[in-house]
Amino acid sequence: MFSGVVILAATAGANAQITRNLGGGWQVFIPDVDIIDIIRDDLVSSPTVLVLEKFATFKDFQALDLVFTQTAPNAQTVTRIILTDEYVFNLTGLDWSAFEITLTSQVPGNTAVFNPAASASLSILPFTTTTYAPGNQQVTYGGGTVPDGTFWTPGVATGAIVIDLALNPRGNSTFTLRERPIPSPAGASLLAVAGIVAAGRRRR
């Protein structure tokens, strides 16, 4: 299942950075495979659709980025990526009130957008609301709480997150998928206080 992995950093104490070949004309750079990973589901992927499973552990509220890069000519590159069976672990020490995913394209002529209609059946419990930003390059799930120490599993019960791609004519498309949890209002207040205390200690 984990074939086609190129180790980029293997020194002791370094983050386990890897570039994983996903097939379908795509590879993904993973900043630390110990806290986030994404793999191809060979059973349901096809020449036209790349189906992926993702695992992530958030120990703080810093965003995690996955950078996708095209590796094949446009005619051999999949233009629909589906994220299903996700397991997202909340180890931040605080409850989450929302979760945000953003797509950013780095190459002119290349766009990556969410497909709201194709993603409509996605199971997002305990969240209850889905809000897309104009242009469908950002989606926020809210209206619920993911308690600290628990998993959020979008797509495990039903549905998936569907991403549609327009490729750069030169065949060098790349985009970043960024995820970040949003703390509950009470948790956000605690983070703000902690930041003020830390700043005061640095000044002293």
Protein backbone atom coordinates (compact mmCIF):
# COMPACT_ATOMS: atom_id res chain seq x y z
CA MET A 1 0.00 0.00 0.00
CA PHE A 2 2.89 2.35 0.73
CA SER A 3 4.97 1.67 -2.40
CA GLY A 4 6.44 4.49 -4.45
CA VAL A 5 7.63 6.53 -1.46
CA VAL A 6 10.70 8.72 -1.79
CA ILE A 7 12.29 9.62 1.54
CA LEU A 8 13.40 13.24 1.54
CA ALA A 9 14.58 13.56 5.13
CA ALA A 10 15.67 10.58 7.18
CA THR A 11 18.08 12.07 9.69
CA ALA A 12 17.52 11.41 13.36
CA GLY A 13 15.10 13.85 14.90
CA ALA A 14 14.02 15.29 11.54
CA ASN A 15 10.40 15.38 10.46
CA ALA A 16 9.54 12.38 8.32
CA GLN A 17 9.09 14.32 5.07
CA ILE A 18 8.19 12.22 2.07
CA THR A 19 6.96 12.57 -1.48
CA ARG A 20 4.39 9.89 -2.27
CA ASN A 21 3.52 8.80 -5.80
CA LEU A 22 -0.28 8.64 -5.93
CA GLY A 23 -0.66 7.55 -9.55
CA GLY A 24 -3.02 9.21 -11.99
CA GLY A 25 -0.33 11.74 -12.85
CA TRP A 26 0.05 13.11 -9.29
CA GLN A 27 2.47 13.01 -6.42
CA VAL A 28 2.08 14.66 -3.01
CA PHE A 29 4.62 16.20 -0.66
CA ILE A 30 3.88 15.28 2.96
CA PRO A 31 5.63 17.50 5.54
CA ASP A 32 5.61 14.97 8.40
CA VAL A 33 4.25 11.49 7.77
CA ASP A 34 4.06 10.92 11.53
CA ILE A 35 1.21 13.44 11.81
CA ILE A 36 -0.38 13.50 8.35
CA ASP A 37 -0.48 10.98 5.54
CA ILE A 38 -2.49 10.35 2.38
CA ILE A 39 -2.64 7.16 0.30
CA ARG A 40 -4.31 5.94 -2.87
CA ASP A 41 -7.30 3.62 -2.60
CA ASP A 42 -6.50 1.15 -5.37
CA LEU A 43 -9.86 -0.61 -5.10
CA VAL A 44 -11.91 2.36 -6.33
CA SER A 45 -9.43 4.61 -8.15
CA SER A 46 -9.62 4.55 -11.95
CA PRO A 47 -7.89 6.10 -14.99
CA THR A 48 -10.15 9.15 -14.61
CA VAL A 49 -10.62 9.43 -10.83
CA LEU A 50 -8.04 9.35 -8.04
CA VAL A 51 -9.55 8.24 -4.71
CA LEU A 52 -7.48 8.96 -1.60
CA GLU A 53 -7.66 8.16 2.11
CA LYS A 54 -6.17 10.63 4.60
CA PHE A 55 -5.03 10.49 8.20
CA ALA A 56 -4.02 13.50 10.33
CA THR A 57 -3.25 14.27 13.95
CA PHE A 58 -3.47 17.89 15.07
CA LYS A 59 -1.42 18.61 18.19
CA ASP A 60 -1.91 22.37 17.87
CA PHE A 61 -3.77 24.82 15.66
CA GLN A 62 -1.10 25.27 13.01
CA ALA A 63 -2.33 24.46 9.50
CA LEU A 64 -1.11 21.31 7.78
CA ASP A 65 -0.30 21.47 4.05
CA LEU A 66 -0.27 18.74 1.42
CA VAL A 67 1.34 19.88 -1.84
CA PHE A 68 0.21 18.05 -5.00
CA THR A 69 2.39 18.15 -8.12
CA GLN A 70 1.61 16.88 -11.61
CA THR A 71 3.96 14.15 -12.84
CA ALA A 72 2.47 13.10 -16.20
CA PRO A 73 1.29 14.81 -19.41
CA ASN A 74 -2.17 16.35 -19.25
CA ALA A 75 -3.71 13.53 -21.30
CA GLN A 76 -2.57 11.03 -18.66
CA THR A 77 -3.42 13.14 -15.59
CA VAL A 78 -6.58 12.69 -13.52
CA THR A 79 -8.69 15.85 -13.15
CA ARG A 80 -10.90 14.66 -10.28
CA ILE A 81 -9.52 13.80 -6.84
CA ILE A 82 -11.81 12.31 -4.19
CA LEU A 83 -10.99 12.30 -0.47
CA THR A 84 -12.83 9.59 1.44
CA ASP A 85 -12.43 7.68 4.71
CA GLU A 86 -10.61 10.45 6.56
CA TYR A 87 -9.46 10.12 10.15
CA VAL A 88 -8.59 13.42 11.84
CA PHE A 89 -7.44 13.20 15.47
CA ASN A 90 -7.88 16.14 17.85
CA LEU A 91 -4.90 16.22 20.22
CA THR A 92 -4.81 20.01 20.53
CA GLY A 93 -5.93 20.08 24.16
CA LEU A 94 -9.06 22.05 23.20
CA ASP A 95 -12.41 21.31 21.57
CA TRP A 96 -12.96 22.32 17.93
CA SER A 97 -15.98 24.31 16.80
CA ALA A 98 -15.13 24.13 13.07
CA PHE A 99 -12.66 22.77 10.53
CA GLU A 100 -11.42 24.60 7.42
CA ILE A 101 -9.93 23.22 4.20
CA THR A 102 -8.44 25.51 1.52
CA LEU A 103 -7.18 24.82 -2.00
CA THR A 104 -4.49 27.08 -3.48
CA SER A 105 -3.14 26.78 -7.03
CA GLN A 106 0.43 27.91 -7.62
CA VAL A 107 0.58 27.80 -11.43
CA PRO A 108 -1.31 30.20 -13.77
CA GLY A 109 -3.99 28.36 -15.71
CA ASN A 110 -4.19 25.62 -13.08
CA THR A 111 -7.15 25.68 -10.68
CA ALA A 112 -8.31 23.30 -7.97
CA VAL A 113 -11.84 23.76 -6.62
CA PHE A 114 -14.26 21.85 -4.44
CA ASN A 115 -17.35 20.39 -6.13
CA PRO A 116 -20.24 21.12 -3.71
CA ALA A 117 -22.83 19.06 -5.61
CA ALA A 118 -20.61 15.97 -5.81
CA SER A 119 -19.65 16.39 -2.13
CA ALA A 120 -23.21 16.88 -0.88
CA SER A 121 -23.54 13.40 0.68
CA LEU A 122 -20.37 13.75 2.77
CA SER A 123 -20.88 12.66 6.38
CA ILE A 124 -19.41 15.35 8.66
CA LEU A 125 -20.87 14.55 12.10
CA PRO A 126 -20.60 15.96 14.73
CA PHE A 127 -20.51 19.03 12.48
CA THR A 128 -23.81 19.97 10.87
CA THR A 129 -23.06 22.83 8.47
CA THR A 130 -20.97 23.14 5.29
CA THR A 131 -20.03 26.58 3.96
CA TYR A 132 -18.15 27.17 0.71
CA ALA A 133 -16.36 30.45 0.04
CA PRO A 134 -16.97 32.16 -3.32
CA GLY A 135 -15.06 30.32 -6.00
CA ASN A 136 -15.29 27.03 -4.06
CA GLN A 137 -11.62 27.08 -3.07
CA GLN A 138 -12.41 26.95 0.63
CA VAL A 139 -14.88 24.94 2.69
CA THR A 140 -15.66 25.26 6.40
CA TYR A 141 -17.47 22.61 8.41
CA GLY A 142 -19.15 23.88 11.59
CA GLY A 143 -22.27 23.77 13.72
CA GLY A 144 -20.88 21.16 16.10
CA THR A 145 -18.03 20.24 18.40
CA VAL A 146 -15.14 17.80 18.04
CA PRO A 147 -14.00 17.21 21.64
CA ASP A 148 -10.33 17.08 22.49
CA GLY A 149 -9.01 13.53 22.35
CA THR A 150 -11.51 12.29 19.75
CA PHE A 151 -11.53 11.54 16.02
CA TRP A 152 -13.44 13.41 13.32
CA THR A 153 -14.12 11.04 10.41
CA PRO A 154 -15.53 12.88 7.35
CA GLY A 155 -16.59 10.48 4.62
CA VAL A 156 -16.25 7.29 6.65
CA ALA A 157 -20.02 6.77 6.89
CA THR A 158 -21.05 8.24 3.52
CA GLY A 159 -19.84 10.50 0.73
CA ALA A 160 -16.52 12.16 0.03
CA ILE A 161 -14.82 15.51 -0.57
CA VAL A 162 -14.58 15.98 -4.34
CA ILE A 163 -11.93 18.22 -5.92
CA ASP A 164 -12.05 19.13 -9.62
CA LEU A 165 -8.94 20.31 -11.43
CA ALA A 166 -8.21 22.44 -14.48
CA LEU A 167 -4.70 21.68 -15.67
CA ASN A 168 -2.10 24.13 -16.86
CA PRO A 169 -1.57 23.66 -20.63
CA ARG A 170 2.14 23.12 -20.04
CA GLY A 171 1.48 20.12 -17.81
CA ASN A 172 3.17 21.47 -14.67
CA SER A 173 0.14 21.95 -12.44
CA THR A 174 0.49 22.05 -8.66
CA PHE A 175 -1.85 22.91 -5.80
CA THR A 176 -1.84 22.93 -2.00
CA LEU A 177 -4.52 21.44 0.22
CA ARG A 178 -4.38 23.21 3.60
CA GLU A 179 -6.32 22.05 6.66
CA ARG A 180 -6.74 23.70 10.03
CA PRO A 181 -9.05 23.16 13.00
CA ILE A 182 -10.77 26.12 14.61
CA PRO A 183 -11.01 26.10 18.42
CA SER A 184 -14.26 26.68 20.27
CA PRO A 185 -14.81 30.28 21.44
CA ALA A 186 -13.74 29.34 24.97
CA GLY A 187 -10.66 27.60 23.61
CA ALA A 188 -9.79 30.58 21.42
CA SER A 189 -9.88 32.81 24.51
CA LEU A 190 -7.47 30.46 26.29
CA LEU A 191 -5.12 30.54 23.31
CA ALA A 192 -5.21 34.35 23.28
CA VAL A 193 -4.35 34.50 26.98
CA ALA A 194 -1.55 31.98 26.50
CA GLY A 195 -0.16 34.10 23.66
CA ILE A 196 -0.16 37.24 25.82
CA VAL A 197 1.61 35.41 28.65
CA ALA A 198 4.22 33.98 26.28
CA ALA A 199 4.87 37.41 24.76
CA GLY A 200 5.36 38.88 28.22
CA ARG A 201 7.87 36.20 29.11
CA ARG A 202 9.84 36.86 25.92
CA ARG A 203 10.00 40.60 26.69
CA ARG A 204 11.31 39.90 30.17
